[in-house]
Protein backbone atom coordinates (compact mmCIF):
# COMPACT_ATOMS: atom_id res chain seq x y z
CA THR A 1 -101.95 -148.60 75.74
CA SER A 2 -102.02 -150.95 78.13
CA TYR A 3 -101.89 -154.99 78.38
CA ARG A 4 -99.19 -155.97 76.46
CA SER A 5 -99.96 -153.87 73.03
CA PHE A 6 -97.49 -151.85 74.38
CA ARG A 7 -94.56 -153.43 73.37
CA ASN A 8 -96.27 -153.36 70.05
CA VAL A 9 -96.40 -149.50 70.12
CA TRP A 10 -92.82 -149.12 71.60
CA MET A 11 -91.52 -151.35 68.70
CA LEU A 12 -93.57 -149.04 65.95
CA GLU A 13 -91.85 -146.25 68.09
CA GLU A 14 -88.44 -147.65 67.50
CA LEU A 15 -88.69 -148.21 63.94
CA GLY A 16 -90.24 -144.82 63.12
CA PHE A 17 -93.00 -146.04 60.79
CA GLY A 18 -96.20 -143.95 61.17
CA TYR A 19 -99.46 -146.52 62.07
CA SER A 20 -102.93 -146.75 63.49
CA HIS A 21 -103.38 -147.21 66.83
CA VAL A 22 -107.14 -148.29 67.98
CA LEU A 23 -107.81 -148.28 71.62
CA ALA A 24 -110.08 -151.54 72.28
CA TYR A 25 -109.90 -153.34 75.66
CA PRO A 26 -110.08 -157.45 75.03
CA GLY A 27 -113.32 -159.28 74.64
CA SER A 28 -115.14 -156.07 73.49
CA LYS A 29 -117.18 -155.70 70.32
CA LEU A 30 -114.52 -153.70 68.55
CA ALA A 31 -111.51 -156.33 69.91
CA ARG A 32 -113.93 -159.00 68.35
CA SER A 33 -114.64 -157.00 65.07
CA HIS A 34 -110.43 -157.70 64.57
CA HIS A 35 -110.45 -160.77 66.65
CA GLU A 36 -112.58 -163.48 66.59
CA LEU A 37 -111.83 -164.16 69.91
CA GLY A 38 -111.90 -160.39 71.15
CA LYS A 39 -107.90 -160.95 72.17
CA ILE A 40 -105.02 -158.22 71.50
CA PRO A 41 -103.26 -156.81 70.47
CA VAL A 42 -103.69 -157.90 66.62
CA LEU A 43 -101.63 -156.20 63.60
CA HIS A 44 -103.08 -156.05 60.04
CA ASP A 45 -100.54 -155.55 57.53
CA ASP A 46 -101.57 -155.81 53.83
CA LYS A 47 -103.28 -158.99 53.96
CA ILE A 48 -101.58 -160.55 56.59
CA LYS A 49 -103.14 -160.11 60.41
CA ILE A 50 -101.02 -161.10 62.78
CA MET A 51 -102.24 -161.71 66.88
CA GLU A 52 -99.85 -162.09 70.03
CA SER A 53 -97.20 -159.22 71.35
CA ALA A 54 -94.42 -161.33 70.75
CA ALA A 55 -94.97 -162.60 66.96
CA ILE A 56 -96.28 -158.86 65.94
CA ASN A 57 -92.69 -157.48 66.80
CA THR A 58 -90.80 -160.33 65.10
CA TYR A 59 -92.45 -159.66 61.60
CA LEU A 60 -92.20 -156.02 62.45
CA GLY A 61 -88.49 -156.46 62.71
CA ASP A 62 -88.02 -159.20 60.33
CA LYS A 63 -90.06 -157.09 57.81
CA PHE A 64 -88.44 -153.39 58.44
CA SER A 65 -85.25 -153.81 59.91
CA PRO A 66 -83.69 -157.24 59.85
CA GLY A 67 -81.21 -157.98 61.98
CA ASN A 68 -81.23 -154.55 64.25
CA LEU A 69 -84.51 -155.02 66.48
CA VAL A 70 -84.86 -159.14 66.40
CA PRO A 71 -82.65 -162.02 65.25
CA LEU A 72 -82.49 -162.73 61.75
CA THR A 73 -84.24 -165.76 61.12
CA PRO A 74 -83.97 -168.20 58.00
CA ARG A 75 -87.74 -167.90 56.57
CA PRO A 76 -90.62 -165.48 58.12
CA LEU A 77 -93.26 -167.82 59.71
CA TYR A 78 -95.85 -165.55 59.22
CA GLU A 79 -98.16 -167.45 56.69
CA GLN A 80 -98.36 -170.30 58.93
């Protein structure tokens, strides 16, 4: 894992959840199939698609470990 996606792999390991990691380079055809501009990382969870490593980690912490790995927030803003 390279780039800032390492943060997300680390968070998933800390949470102890299984996940699927797809190796894609920024701007590659594979990266563009998940993000229109070919940016990485991208998280797909149910109907939610989140881009940007800090936003992904905040989402994971809020959903799977509220108040433990990230501070509690009054309301998740993922839909925006």
